[in-house]
Amino acid sequence: MSVMFLPLRLIPVPVQCVVMTTVLELVFSRDESLKAYLDDMEGRVFRIHVCDTNAVMFLGFTRGRAWVHSSYQGDVDVRLNATTSGFARMCFGHEDPDDLVFQQVLKLSGDSDAMLRFKKLFAAADLDWERELRASFGDFFGSRVARAAHALVEAEQKLSESSRQAVTSSLHGMDIPDSERLQTWQAGVEHLAHQISRCKGRVTRLEHKLQALSSKPES
């Protein structure tokens, strides 16, 4: 889904669909080992929604070929939702889609079997979007998209780190414990609980001794 990054996201969605179709056709047509995976995808349609630009595309598979259209009237099997940076992390940052789903960066819904087949196809294709864009549209175009995607991922990482530091600083200012302080507190509580348990044991033994003394007959 690389064509959704700056500067390409300024290009109309139908043109982006042409770019994606061209790349996918090139990748799938030159590797015979992918034919079986493509046959498994027959008739499947995926709706791709880029949340921050509100761009919608449909990726489908017909007669062993992939197509990408800006509109589709039939039923879809799977819906994929992410921001531009989310798709950039998956396509150019090479982050595991499962990790992105767990982090809720990438959201999937629909037919689980279609999702699994889709994942197997792209894992087998080992698609390098930068390389394929260069091969299909030239070094200038491919390198610009790749630089934009990497810059977007880096900017998001910096923003995330800044936000984390700001939250941590606020927690300290409000005297609300962060994870490190919570661990320290937990260790202190566990130590105190251990000491209390030892004291209870001593008290119990003293009570037994007092009970034994009080039950002795007087001489």
N, C-alpha and C. Protein backbone atom coordinates (compact mmCIF):
# COMPACT_ATOMS: atom_id res chain seq x y z
N MET A 1 0.83 -1.20 0.00
CA MET A 1 0.00 0.00 0.00
C MET A 1 0.87 1.26 0.00
N SER A 2 2.02 1.13 -0.61
CA SER A 2 3.02 2.18 -0.51
C SER A 2 2.62 3.48 -1.16
N VAL A 3 1.72 3.44 -2.11
CA VAL A 3 1.44 4.65 -2.87
C VAL A 3 0.61 5.65 -2.08
N MET A 4 0.31 5.37 -0.85
CA MET A 4 -0.47 6.30 -0.06
C MET A 4 0.40 7.27 0.71
N PHE A 5 1.72 7.27 0.51
CA PHE A 5 2.59 8.14 1.25
C PHE A 5 2.86 9.42 0.47
N LEU A 6 3.21 10.46 1.21
CA LEU A 6 3.66 11.67 0.55
C LEU A 6 4.86 11.35 -0.31
N PRO A 7 5.02 11.95 -1.52
CA PRO A 7 4.08 12.89 -2.12
C PRO A 7 2.94 12.25 -2.87
N LEU A 8 2.88 10.92 -2.93
CA LEU A 8 1.87 10.25 -3.74
C LEU A 8 0.46 10.43 -3.21
N ARG A 9 0.30 10.70 -1.92
CA ARG A 9 -1.07 10.84 -1.43
C ARG A 9 -1.71 12.13 -1.93
N LEU A 10 -0.91 13.00 -2.58
CA LEU A 10 -1.47 14.18 -3.22
C LEU A 10 -2.02 13.84 -4.61
N ILE A 11 -1.71 12.65 -5.09
CA ILE A 11 -2.19 12.21 -6.39
C ILE A 11 -3.57 11.60 -6.22
N PRO A 12 -4.48 11.80 -7.15
CA PRO A 12 -5.84 11.23 -7.04
C PRO A 12 -5.80 9.73 -6.80
N VAL A 13 -6.76 9.25 -6.02
CA VAL A 13 -6.80 7.83 -5.66
C VAL A 13 -6.82 6.91 -6.88
N PRO A 14 -7.60 7.21 -7.95
CA PRO A 14 -7.58 6.31 -9.11
C PRO A 14 -6.19 6.14 -9.71
N VAL A 15 -5.36 7.19 -9.68
CA VAL A 15 -4.01 7.09 -10.19
C VAL A 15 -3.16 6.23 -9.27
N GLN A 16 -3.36 6.36 -7.97
CA GLN A 16 -2.65 5.51 -7.02
C GLN A 16 -3.00 4.04 -7.26
N CYS A 17 -4.26 3.78 -7.60
CA CYS A 17 -4.69 2.41 -7.87
C CYS A 17 -3.95 1.83 -9.07
N VAL A 18 -3.74 2.66 -10.10
CA VAL A 18 -3.00 2.21 -11.28
C VAL A 18 -1.57 1.85 -10.90
N VAL A 19 -0.95 2.67 -10.05
CA VAL A 19 0.42 2.41 -9.61
C VAL A 19 0.49 1.09 -8.85
N MET A 20 -0.44 0.89 -7.93
CA MET A 20 -0.43 -0.33 -7.14
C MET A 20 -0.66 -1.56 -8.01
N THR A 21 -1.61 -1.46 -8.93
CA THR A 21 -1.88 -2.59 -9.82
C THR A 21 -0.67 -2.95 -10.65
N THR A 22 0.03 -1.94 -11.15
CA THR A 22 1.22 -2.16 -11.96
C THR A 22 2.29 -2.91 -11.17
N VAL A 23 2.54 -2.48 -9.93
CA VAL A 23 3.55 -3.11 -9.10
C VAL A 23 3.18 -4.55 -8.78
N LEU A 24 1.94 -4.78 -8.38
CA LEU A 24 1.52 -6.12 -8.00
C LEU A 24 1.55 -7.08 -9.19
N GLU A 25 1.12 -6.61 -10.35
CA GLU A 25 1.16 -7.46 -11.54
C GLU A 25 2.60 -7.85 -11.87
N LEU A 26 3.53 -6.91 -11.73
CA LEU A 26 4.93 -7.20 -12.03
C LEU A 26 5.47 -8.26 -11.07
N VAL A 27 5.20 -8.09 -9.79
CA VAL A 27 5.72 -9.02 -8.78
C VAL A 27 5.12 -10.41 -8.95
N PHE A 28 3.80 -10.49 -9.11
CA PHE A 28 3.15 -11.79 -9.16
C PHE A 28 3.38 -12.53 -10.47
N SER A 29 3.59 -11.79 -11.55
CA SER A 29 3.74 -12.44 -12.85
C SER A 29 5.12 -13.04 -13.06
N ARG A 30 6.13 -12.55 -12.37
CA ARG A 30 7.48 -13.03 -12.63
C ARG A 30 7.88 -14.19 -11.73
N ASP A 31 7.04 -14.55 -10.77
CA ASP A 31 7.38 -15.63 -9.84
C ASP A 31 6.32 -16.72 -9.94
N GLU A 32 6.65 -17.80 -10.61
CA GLU A 32 5.69 -18.90 -10.82
C GLU A 32 5.27 -19.56 -9.51
N SER A 33 6.14 -19.50 -8.51
CA SER A 33 5.82 -20.15 -7.23
C SER A 33 4.64 -19.49 -6.52
N LEU A 34 4.27 -18.29 -6.95
CA LEU A 34 3.16 -17.57 -6.31
C LEU A 34 1.81 -17.94 -6.91
N LYS A 35 1.82 -18.70 -8.00
CA LYS A 35 0.56 -19.01 -8.69
C LYS A 35 -0.43 -19.72 -7.77
N ALA A 36 0.06 -20.68 -6.99
CA ALA A 36 -0.84 -21.41 -6.09
C ALA A 36 -1.47 -20.48 -5.05
N TYR A 37 -0.68 -19.54 -4.54
CA TYR A 37 -1.21 -18.59 -3.56
C TYR A 37 -2.26 -17.68 -4.21
N LEU A 38 -2.00 -17.27 -5.45
CA LEU A 38 -2.95 -16.42 -6.16
C LEU A 38 -4.25 -17.17 -6.44
N ASP A 39 -4.13 -18.44 -6.78
CA ASP A 39 -5.34 -19.24 -7.01
C ASP A 39 -6.18 -19.33 -5.74
N ASP A 40 -5.52 -19.41 -4.59
CA ASP A 40 -6.24 -19.45 -3.30
C ASP A 40 -6.97 -18.15 -3.00
N MET A 41 -6.51 -17.06 -3.62
CA MET A 41 -7.12 -15.75 -3.38
C MET A 41 -8.25 -15.43 -4.35
N GLU A 42 -8.56 -16.34 -5.25
CA GLU A 42 -9.55 -16.10 -6.30
C GLU A 42 -10.87 -15.58 -5.72
N GLY A 43 -11.31 -14.44 -6.27
CA GLY A 43 -12.59 -13.85 -5.87
C GLY A 43 -12.57 -13.06 -4.59
N ARG A 44 -11.45 -13.03 -3.90
CA ARG A 44 -11.38 -12.28 -2.64
C ARG A 44 -11.21 -10.79 -2.92
N VAL A 45 -11.85 -9.98 -2.09
CA VAL A 45 -11.76 -8.52 -2.23
C VAL A 45 -11.48 -7.92 -0.87
N PHE A 46 -10.52 -6.98 -0.82
CA PHE A 46 -10.12 -6.32 0.42
C PHE A 46 -10.36 -4.81 0.28
N ARG A 47 -10.98 -4.26 1.30
CA ARG A 47 -11.20 -2.81 1.33
C ARG A 47 -10.11 -2.17 2.17
N ILE A 48 -9.37 -1.23 1.59
CA ILE A 48 -8.26 -0.56 2.26
C ILE A 48 -8.66 0.88 2.54
N HIS A 49 -8.66 1.25 3.80
CA HIS A 49 -9.05 2.61 4.19
C HIS A 49 -7.88 3.29 4.89
N VAL A 50 -7.43 4.41 4.30
CA VAL A 50 -6.37 5.21 4.91
C VAL A 50 -7.06 6.29 5.74
N CYS A 51 -7.03 6.13 7.05
CA CYS A 51 -7.89 6.92 7.93
C CYS A 51 -7.63 8.42 7.85
N ASP A 52 -6.34 8.82 7.85
CA ASP A 52 -6.05 10.25 7.94
C ASP A 52 -6.30 11.00 6.63
N THR A 53 -6.32 10.31 5.50
CA THR A 53 -6.61 10.96 4.22
C THR A 53 -8.00 10.59 3.71
N ASN A 54 -8.62 9.63 4.39
CA ASN A 54 -9.95 9.12 4.02
C ASN A 54 -9.96 8.52 2.62
N ALA A 55 -8.80 8.06 2.16
CA ALA A 55 -8.72 7.39 0.86
C ALA A 55 -9.19 5.94 1.01
N VAL A 56 -9.96 5.47 0.04
CA VAL A 56 -10.46 4.10 0.05
C VAL A 56 -10.09 3.43 -1.26
N MET A 57 -9.54 2.23 -1.16
CA MET A 57 -9.19 1.44 -2.34
C MET A 57 -9.66 0.01 -2.12
N PHE A 58 -9.83 -0.71 -3.22
CA PHE A 58 -10.25 -2.10 -3.17
C PHE A 58 -9.23 -2.96 -3.90
N LEU A 59 -8.70 -3.93 -3.18
CA LEU A 59 -7.74 -4.86 -3.75
C LEU A 59 -8.43 -6.20 -3.96
N GLY A 60 -8.42 -6.69 -5.20
CA GLY A 60 -9.11 -7.94 -5.50
C GLY A 60 -8.25 -8.87 -6.33
N PHE A 61 -8.71 -10.12 -6.44
CA PHE A 61 -7.97 -11.15 -7.17
C PHE A 61 -8.93 -11.88 -8.11
N THR A 62 -8.59 -11.86 -9.40
CA THR A 62 -9.43 -12.49 -10.42
C THR A 62 -8.56 -13.21 -11.44
N ARG A 63 -8.83 -14.49 -11.65
CA ARG A 63 -8.12 -15.30 -12.63
C ARG A 63 -6.59 -15.20 -12.49
N GLY A 64 -6.14 -15.30 -11.25
CA GLY A 64 -4.71 -15.31 -10.99
C GLY A 64 -4.03 -13.97 -11.10
N ARG A 65 -4.80 -12.90 -11.13
CA ARG A 65 -4.20 -11.56 -11.22
C ARG A 65 -4.79 -10.66 -10.13
N ALA A 66 -3.99 -9.70 -9.71
CA ALA A 66 -4.43 -8.74 -8.70
C ALA A 66 -4.86 -7.44 -9.38
N TRP A 67 -5.86 -6.80 -8.82
CA TRP A 67 -6.29 -5.50 -9.32
C TRP A 67 -6.59 -4.58 -8.14
N VAL A 68 -6.44 -3.28 -8.37
CA VAL A 68 -6.74 -2.28 -7.34
C VAL A 68 -7.62 -1.22 -7.98
N HIS A 69 -8.81 -1.01 -7.43
CA HIS A 69 -9.75 -0.03 -7.96
C HIS A 69 -10.14 0.96 -6.86
N SER A 70 -10.59 2.11 -7.28
CA SER A 70 -11.02 3.13 -6.31
C SER A 70 -12.47 2.95 -5.90
N SER A 71 -13.20 2.08 -6.59
CA SER A 71 -14.59 1.81 -6.22
C SER A 71 -14.92 0.35 -6.51
N TYR A 72 -15.89 -0.17 -5.77
CA TYR A 72 -16.30 -1.56 -5.94
C TYR A 72 -17.69 -1.70 -5.34
N GLN A 73 -18.59 -2.33 -6.08
CA GLN A 73 -19.98 -2.39 -5.65
C GLN A 73 -20.35 -3.68 -4.93
N GLY A 74 -19.50 -4.70 -5.02
CA GLY A 74 -19.83 -5.98 -4.41
C GLY A 74 -19.46 -6.07 -2.94
N ASP A 75 -19.60 -7.26 -2.40
CA ASP A 75 -19.24 -7.50 -1.00
C ASP A 75 -17.72 -7.62 -0.86
N VAL A 76 -17.20 -7.22 0.29
CA VAL A 76 -15.77 -7.34 0.55
C VAL A 76 -15.55 -8.41 1.62
N ASP A 77 -14.42 -9.07 1.54
CA ASP A 77 -14.10 -10.13 2.49
C ASP A 77 -13.40 -9.60 3.74
N VAL A 78 -12.53 -8.62 3.55
CA VAL A 78 -11.72 -8.11 4.66
C VAL A 78 -11.63 -6.59 4.55
N ARG A 79 -11.62 -5.93 5.69
CA ARG A 79 -11.42 -4.49 5.76
C ARG A 79 -10.12 -4.20 6.50
N LEU A 80 -9.26 -3.40 5.87
CA LEU A 80 -8.00 -2.99 6.49
C LEU A 80 -8.06 -1.49 6.73
N ASN A 81 -7.76 -1.07 7.96
CA ASN A 81 -7.77 0.34 8.32
C ASN A 81 -6.47 0.72 9.03
N ALA A 82 -5.86 1.80 8.59
CA ALA A 82 -4.66 2.32 9.23
C ALA A 82 -4.44 3.74 8.75
N THR A 83 -3.59 4.46 9.44
CA THR A 83 -3.20 5.79 8.98
C THR A 83 -2.12 5.64 7.91
N THR A 84 -1.78 6.75 7.29
CA THR A 84 -0.71 6.73 6.30
C THR A 84 0.58 6.19 6.90
N SER A 85 0.91 6.64 8.10
CA SER A 85 2.14 6.18 8.75
C SER A 85 2.04 4.71 9.13
N GLY A 86 0.84 4.24 9.45
CA GLY A 86 0.68 2.82 9.77
C GLY A 86 1.00 1.93 8.58
N PHE A 87 0.49 2.30 7.40
CA PHE A 87 0.81 1.54 6.20
C PHE A 87 2.29 1.69 5.83
N ALA A 88 2.86 2.86 6.11
CA ALA A 88 4.28 3.08 5.84
C ALA A 88 5.14 2.15 6.70
N ARG A 89 4.75 1.99 7.95
CA ARG A 89 5.49 1.10 8.85
C ARG A 89 5.46 -0.34 8.36
N MET A 90 4.33 -0.74 7.80
CA MET A 90 4.20 -2.11 7.33
C MET A 90 4.95 -2.31 6.01
N CYS A 91 4.82 -1.37 5.07
CA CYS A 91 5.37 -1.58 3.73
C CYS A 91 6.83 -1.18 3.60
N PHE A 92 7.23 -0.09 4.25
CA PHE A 92 8.61 0.38 4.13
C PHE A 92 9.42 0.15 5.39
N GLY A 93 8.76 0.15 6.55
CA GLY A 93 9.47 -0.14 7.79
C GLY A 93 9.62 -1.63 8.03
N HIS A 94 8.93 -2.44 7.21
CA HIS A 94 9.01 -3.90 7.29
C HIS A 94 8.63 -4.42 8.68
N GLU A 95 7.67 -3.74 9.32
CA GLU A 95 7.19 -4.22 10.62
C GLU A 95 6.18 -5.35 10.40
N ASP A 96 6.17 -6.27 11.33
CA ASP A 96 5.28 -7.43 11.24
C ASP A 96 3.83 -6.97 11.34
N PRO A 97 2.99 -7.34 10.36
CA PRO A 97 1.58 -6.95 10.43
C PRO A 97 0.88 -7.41 11.71
N ASP A 98 1.27 -8.59 12.21
CA ASP A 98 0.66 -9.09 13.45
C ASP A 98 0.98 -8.15 14.62
N ASP A 99 2.21 -7.64 14.66
CA ASP A 99 2.58 -6.70 15.72
C ASP A 99 1.79 -5.41 15.59
N LEU A 100 1.59 -4.95 14.36
CA LEU A 100 0.84 -3.71 14.13
C LEU A 100 -0.63 -3.89 14.51
N VAL A 101 -1.16 -5.07 14.27
CA VAL A 101 -2.54 -5.36 14.69
C VAL A 101 -2.63 -5.37 16.21
N PHE A 102 -1.65 -6.01 16.87
CA PHE A 102 -1.63 -6.06 18.33
C PHE A 102 -1.55 -4.65 18.92
N GLN A 103 -0.77 -3.77 18.27
CA GLN A 103 -0.63 -2.39 18.73
C GLN A 103 -1.81 -1.51 18.31
N GLN A 104 -2.74 -2.08 17.57
CA GLN A 104 -3.91 -1.39 17.04
C GLN A 104 -3.52 -0.28 16.06
N VAL A 105 -2.35 -0.41 15.46
CA VAL A 105 -1.95 0.50 14.38
C VAL A 105 -2.68 0.09 13.11
N LEU A 106 -2.76 -1.21 12.89
CA LEU A 106 -3.48 -1.78 11.76
C LEU A 106 -4.70 -2.52 12.30
N LYS A 107 -5.87 -2.20 11.75
CA LYS A 107 -7.10 -2.84 12.21
C LYS A 107 -7.68 -3.68 11.08
N LEU A 108 -8.00 -4.92 11.40
CA LEU A 108 -8.53 -5.86 10.43
C LEU A 108 -9.89 -6.37 10.90
N SER A 109 -10.78 -6.57 9.96
CA SER A 109 -12.06 -7.18 10.28
C SER A 109 -12.55 -7.93 9.04
N GLY A 110 -13.29 -9.01 9.29
CA GLY A 110 -13.82 -9.77 8.16
C GLY A 110 -13.48 -11.24 8.24
N ASP A 111 -13.37 -11.86 7.08
CA ASP A 111 -13.15 -13.30 6.96
C ASP A 111 -11.73 -13.67 7.38
N SER A 112 -11.60 -14.44 8.45
CA SER A 112 -10.28 -14.81 8.97
C SER A 112 -9.51 -15.69 8.00
N ASP A 113 -10.23 -16.54 7.25
CA ASP A 113 -9.56 -17.40 6.28
C ASP A 113 -8.94 -16.57 5.15
N ALA A 114 -9.66 -15.56 4.69
CA ALA A 114 -9.12 -14.66 3.65
C ALA A 114 -7.92 -13.90 4.17
N MET A 115 -7.96 -13.48 5.43
CA MET A 115 -6.82 -12.78 6.03
C MET A 115 -5.58 -13.67 6.03
N LEU A 116 -5.77 -14.95 6.40
CA LEU A 116 -4.65 -15.88 6.47
C LEU A 116 -4.06 -16.13 5.08
N ARG A 117 -4.91 -16.31 4.07
CA ARG A 117 -4.43 -16.53 2.71
C ARG A 117 -3.68 -15.29 2.19
N PHE A 118 -4.21 -14.12 2.52
CA PHE A 118 -3.60 -12.86 2.13
C PHE A 118 -2.19 -12.73 2.73
N LYS A 119 -2.09 -13.07 4.02
CA LYS A 119 -0.81 -13.00 4.71
C LYS A 119 0.20 -13.97 4.10
N LYS A 120 -0.25 -15.18 3.77
CA LYS A 120 0.65 -16.17 3.16
C LYS A 120 1.15 -15.71 1.80
N LEU A 121 0.27 -15.11 1.01
CA LEU A 121 0.65 -14.63 -0.32
C LEU A 121 1.75 -13.59 -0.23
N PHE A 122 1.56 -12.59 0.61
CA PHE A 122 2.53 -11.50 0.67
C PHE A 122 3.81 -11.91 1.39
N ALA A 123 3.70 -12.89 2.29
CA ALA A 123 4.91 -13.40 2.92
C ALA A 123 5.74 -14.15 1.89
N ALA A 124 5.08 -14.92 1.03
CA ALA A 124 5.79 -15.66 -0.01
C ALA A 124 6.38 -14.73 -1.06
N ALA A 125 5.67 -13.64 -1.36
CA ALA A 125 6.15 -12.68 -2.36
C ALA A 125 7.34 -11.88 -1.85
N ASP A 126 7.43 -11.72 -0.52
CA ASP A 126 8.52 -10.95 0.08
C ASP A 126 8.68 -9.62 -0.65
N LEU A 127 7.60 -8.88 -0.70
CA LEU A 127 7.52 -7.67 -1.51
C LEU A 127 8.34 -6.52 -0.94
N ASP A 128 9.24 -5.99 -1.74
CA ASP A 128 10.04 -4.81 -1.39
C ASP A 128 9.49 -3.65 -2.21
N TRP A 129 8.69 -2.81 -1.57
CA TRP A 129 7.99 -1.76 -2.30
C TRP A 129 8.94 -0.76 -2.94
N GLU A 130 10.00 -0.41 -2.25
CA GLU A 130 10.93 0.55 -2.83
C GLU A 130 11.57 -0.01 -4.10
N ARG A 131 12.02 -1.24 -4.03
CA ARG A 131 12.66 -1.86 -5.20
C ARG A 131 11.68 -1.97 -6.36
N GLU A 132 10.44 -2.37 -6.06
CA GLU A 132 9.47 -2.55 -7.13
C GLU A 132 9.03 -1.23 -7.74
N LEU A 133 8.92 -0.20 -6.94
CA LEU A 133 8.58 1.12 -7.48
C LEU A 133 9.69 1.65 -8.38
N ARG A 134 10.92 1.42 -7.97
CA ARG A 134 12.05 1.82 -8.81
C ARG A 134 12.03 1.07 -10.14
N ALA A 135 11.75 -0.23 -10.06
CA ALA A 135 11.75 -1.06 -11.27
C ALA A 135 10.60 -0.67 -12.21
N SER A 136 9.46 -0.30 -11.66
CA SER A 136 8.28 -0.01 -12.47
C SER A 136 8.22 1.42 -12.96
N PHE A 137 8.71 2.36 -12.14
CA PHE A 137 8.51 3.78 -12.47
C PHE A 137 9.79 4.61 -12.45
N GLY A 138 10.93 3.96 -12.24
CA GLY A 138 12.19 4.69 -12.27
C GLY A 138 12.73 5.01 -10.89
N ASP A 139 14.04 5.24 -10.82
CA ASP A 139 14.71 5.50 -9.55
C ASP A 139 14.22 6.78 -8.89
N PHE A 140 13.98 7.81 -9.68
CA PHE A 140 13.57 9.10 -9.10
C PHE A 140 12.26 8.95 -8.35
N PHE A 141 11.28 8.36 -9.01
CA PHE A 141 9.97 8.20 -8.41
C PHE A 141 10.03 7.28 -7.18
N GLY A 142 10.68 6.12 -7.34
CA GLY A 142 10.76 5.16 -6.25
C GLY A 142 11.48 5.69 -5.04
N SER A 143 12.59 6.40 -5.28
CA SER A 143 13.37 6.92 -4.15
C SER A 143 12.61 8.02 -3.42
N ARG A 144 11.86 8.83 -4.14
CA ARG A 144 11.08 9.89 -3.48
C ARG A 144 10.01 9.30 -2.57
N VAL A 145 9.33 8.29 -3.04
CA VAL A 145 8.30 7.65 -2.22
C VAL A 145 8.93 7.00 -0.99
N ALA A 146 10.05 6.31 -1.20
CA ALA A 146 10.72 5.63 -0.08
C ALA A 146 11.19 6.63 0.96
N ARG A 147 11.80 7.73 0.52
CA ARG A 147 12.27 8.75 1.48
C ARG A 147 11.11 9.34 2.26
N ALA A 148 10.02 9.60 1.55
CA ALA A 148 8.84 10.17 2.22
C ALA A 148 8.29 9.20 3.26
N ALA A 149 8.24 7.92 2.91
CA ALA A 149 7.71 6.91 3.83
C ALA A 149 8.59 6.78 5.07
N HIS A 150 9.90 6.69 4.87
CA HIS A 150 10.83 6.56 6.00
C HIS A 150 10.77 7.81 6.89
N ALA A 151 10.66 8.98 6.28
CA ALA A 151 10.58 10.22 7.05
C ALA A 151 9.30 10.25 7.88
N LEU A 152 8.22 9.73 7.30
CA LEU A 152 6.94 9.70 8.01
C LEU A 152 7.02 8.78 9.22
N VAL A 153 7.62 7.61 9.04
CA VAL A 153 7.78 6.66 10.15
C VAL A 153 8.66 7.26 11.23
N GLU A 154 9.76 7.90 10.84
CA GLU A 154 10.66 8.51 11.81
C GLU A 154 9.97 9.62 12.58
N ALA A 155 9.18 10.45 11.88
CA ALA A 155 8.47 11.54 12.54
C ALA A 155 7.47 11.01 13.56
N GLU A 156 6.80 9.92 13.21
CA GLU A 156 5.83 9.34 14.14
C GLU A 156 6.53 8.78 15.38
N GLN A 157 7.68 8.15 15.17
CA GLN A 157 8.43 7.60 16.29
C GLN A 157 8.88 8.70 17.24
N LYS A 158 9.35 9.83 16.67
CA LYS A 158 9.77 10.95 17.51
C LYS A 158 8.58 11.54 18.27
N LEU A 159 7.45 11.65 17.60
CA LEU A 159 6.25 12.18 18.25
C LEU A 159 5.81 11.26 19.38
N SER A 160 5.86 9.96 19.12
CA SER A 160 5.46 8.99 20.15
C SER A 160 6.38 9.07 21.36
N GLU A 161 7.69 9.19 21.12
CA GLU A 161 8.65 9.29 22.21
C GLU A 161 8.45 10.58 23.00
N SER A 162 8.20 11.69 22.29
CA SER A 162 7.95 12.97 22.96
C SER A 162 6.70 12.89 23.82
N SER A 163 5.67 12.25 23.30
CA SER A 163 4.43 12.10 24.05
C SER A 163 4.65 11.26 25.30
N ARG A 164 5.43 10.18 25.15
CA ARG A 164 5.70 9.31 26.29
C ARG A 164 6.45 10.06 27.38
N GLN A 165 7.45 10.85 26.97
CA GLN A 165 8.22 11.63 27.93
C GLN A 165 7.36 12.68 28.61
N ALA A 166 6.45 13.29 27.85
CA ALA A 166 5.56 14.31 28.42
C ALA A 166 4.63 13.69 29.46
N VAL A 167 4.11 12.51 29.15
CA VAL A 167 3.22 11.82 30.09
C VAL A 167 3.97 11.44 31.35
N THR A 168 5.19 10.90 31.19
CA THR A 168 6.00 10.53 32.35
C THR A 168 6.30 11.73 33.23
N SER A 169 6.65 12.85 32.59
CA SER A 169 6.94 14.08 33.33
C SER A 169 5.71 14.56 34.09
N SER A 170 4.54 14.48 33.45
CA SER A 170 3.30 14.90 34.10
C SER A 170 2.98 14.01 35.29
N LEU A 171 3.22 12.71 35.13
CA LEU A 171 2.96 11.79 36.24
C LEU A 171 3.83 12.10 37.44
N HIS A 172 5.11 12.42 37.16
CA HIS A 172 6.00 12.80 38.26
C HIS A 172 5.51 14.08 38.93
N GLY A 173 5.08 15.05 38.12
CA GLY A 173 4.61 16.32 38.66
C GLY A 173 3.34 16.15 39.49
N MET A 174 2.51 15.20 39.12
CA MET A 174 1.26 14.95 39.84
C MET A 174 1.46 13.94 40.96
N ASP A 175 2.71 13.47 41.11
CA ASP A 175 3.05 12.45 42.10
C ASP A 175 2.28 11.16 41.85
N ILE A 176 2.00 10.89 40.56
CA ILE A 176 1.38 9.62 40.18
C ILE A 176 2.49 8.72 39.68
N PRO A 177 2.61 7.52 40.18
CA PRO A 177 3.76 6.67 39.82
C PRO A 177 3.75 6.22 38.37
N ASP A 178 4.94 6.24 37.76
CA ASP A 178 5.08 5.63 36.45
C ASP A 178 5.45 4.16 36.66
N SER A 179 5.76 3.43 35.60
CA SER A 179 6.01 1.99 35.72
C SER A 179 7.21 1.69 36.61
N GLU A 180 8.27 2.52 36.54
CA GLU A 180 9.47 2.27 37.35
C GLU A 180 9.16 2.46 38.82
N ARG A 181 8.44 3.53 39.14
CA ARG A 181 8.09 3.77 40.55
C ARG A 181 7.12 2.72 41.07
N LEU A 182 6.22 2.26 40.19
CA LEU A 182 5.29 1.22 40.61
C LEU A 182 6.03 -0.07 40.96
N GLN A 183 7.07 -0.38 40.18
CA GLN A 183 7.86 -1.57 40.47
C GLN A 183 8.56 -1.44 41.82
N THR A 184 9.08 -0.24 42.10
CA THR A 184 9.74 0.01 43.39
C THR A 184 8.74 -0.13 44.52
N TRP A 185 7.56 0.46 44.34
CA TRP A 185 6.53 0.36 45.36
C TRP A 185 6.11 -1.10 45.57
N GLN A 186 5.97 -1.83 44.47
CA GLN A 186 5.56 -3.22 44.58
C GLN A 186 6.58 -4.02 45.37
N ALA A 187 7.87 -3.77 45.11
CA ALA A 187 8.92 -4.47 45.85
C ALA A 187 8.84 -4.13 47.33
N GLY A 188 8.56 -2.86 47.65
CA GLY A 188 8.43 -2.45 49.04
C GLY A 188 7.25 -3.09 49.73
N VAL A 189 6.14 -3.18 49.00
CA VAL A 189 4.94 -3.80 49.55
C VAL A 189 5.18 -5.29 49.81
N GLU A 190 5.86 -5.95 48.87
CA GLU A 190 6.15 -7.38 49.04
C GLU A 190 7.07 -7.62 50.24
N HIS A 191 8.05 -6.71 50.42
CA HIS A 191 8.94 -6.84 51.57
C HIS A 191 8.17 -6.64 52.87
N LEU A 192 7.30 -5.64 52.89
CA LEU A 192 6.50 -5.37 54.08
C LEU A 192 5.58 -6.55 54.40
N ALA A 193 4.98 -7.13 53.33
CA ALA A 193 4.10 -8.28 53.54
C ALA A 193 4.87 -9.45 54.13
N HIS A 194 6.12 -9.63 53.71
CA HIS A 194 6.96 -10.69 54.24
C HIS A 194 7.25 -10.46 55.72
N GLN A 195 7.56 -9.19 56.06
CA GLN A 195 7.84 -8.87 57.46
C GLN A 195 6.60 -9.08 58.34
N ILE A 196 5.44 -8.70 57.82
CA ILE A 196 4.20 -8.88 58.58
C ILE A 196 3.94 -10.36 58.82
N SER A 197 4.20 -11.17 57.76
CA SER A 197 4.00 -12.62 57.90
C SER A 197 4.90 -13.20 58.98
N ARG A 198 6.17 -12.74 59.04
CA ARG A 198 7.09 -13.21 60.06
C ARG A 198 6.60 -12.79 61.46
N CYS A 199 6.11 -11.57 61.57
CA CYS A 199 5.62 -11.08 62.88
C CYS A 199 4.41 -11.91 63.35
N LYS A 200 3.52 -12.22 62.37
CA LYS A 200 2.36 -13.03 62.73
C LYS A 200 2.79 -14.40 63.26
N GLY A 201 3.84 -14.96 62.61
CA GLY A 201 4.34 -16.26 63.07
C GLY A 201 4.86 -16.18 64.49
N ARG A 202 5.60 -15.11 64.80
CA ARG A 202 6.14 -14.95 66.16
C ARG A 202 5.02 -14.77 67.17
N VAL A 203 4.02 -13.96 66.81
CA VAL A 203 2.89 -13.74 67.72
C VAL A 203 2.17 -15.04 68.00
N THR A 204 1.99 -15.84 66.94
CA THR A 204 1.29 -17.12 67.11
C THR A 204 2.06 -18.04 68.05
N ARG A 205 3.39 -18.09 67.90
CA ARG A 205 4.20 -18.93 68.78
C ARG A 205 4.14 -18.45 70.22
N LEU A 206 4.16 -17.12 70.43
CA LEU A 206 4.05 -16.57 71.79
C LEU A 206 2.71 -16.91 72.40
N GLU A 207 1.65 -16.83 71.58
CA GLU A 207 0.32 -17.17 72.09
C GLU A 207 0.25 -18.62 72.54
N HIS A 208 0.91 -19.49 71.76
CA HIS A 208 0.92 -20.91 72.13
C HIS A 208 1.67 -21.13 73.44
N LYS A 209 2.79 -20.42 73.60
CA LYS A 209 3.57 -20.55 74.82
C LYS A 209 2.77 -20.05 76.02
N LEU A 210 2.12 -18.90 75.86
CA LEU A 210 1.31 -18.36 76.96
C LEU A 210 0.17 -19.30 77.31
N GLN A 211 -0.44 -19.89 76.30
CA GLN A 211 -1.53 -20.82 76.53
C GLN A 211 -1.02 -22.06 77.28
N ALA A 212 0.19 -22.50 76.89
CA ALA A 212 0.76 -23.69 77.55
C ALA A 212 1.07 -23.37 79.01
N LEU A 213 1.61 -22.18 79.29
CA LEU A 213 1.94 -21.80 80.65
C LEU A 213 0.69 -21.66 81.51
N SER A 214 -0.32 -21.07 80.92
CA SER A 214 -1.56 -20.84 81.70
C SER A 214 -2.31 -22.13 81.99
N SER A 215 -2.06 -23.16 81.17
CA SER A 215 -2.76 -24.43 81.38
C SER A 215 -2.04 -25.37 82.36
N LYS A 216 -0.77 -24.98 82.78
CA LYS A 216 -0.04 -25.82 83.75
C LYS A 216 -0.72 -25.77 85.10
N PRO A 217 -0.86 -26.90 85.80
CA PRO A 217 -1.46 -26.89 87.13
C PRO A 217 -0.55 -26.20 88.13
N GLU A 218 -1.14 -25.51 89.10
CA GLU A 218 -0.35 -24.82 90.10
C GLU A 218 0.23 -25.86 91.07
N SER A 219 1.49 -25.62 91.52
CA SER A 219 2.16 -26.59 92.44
C SER A 219 1.51 -26.49 93.80
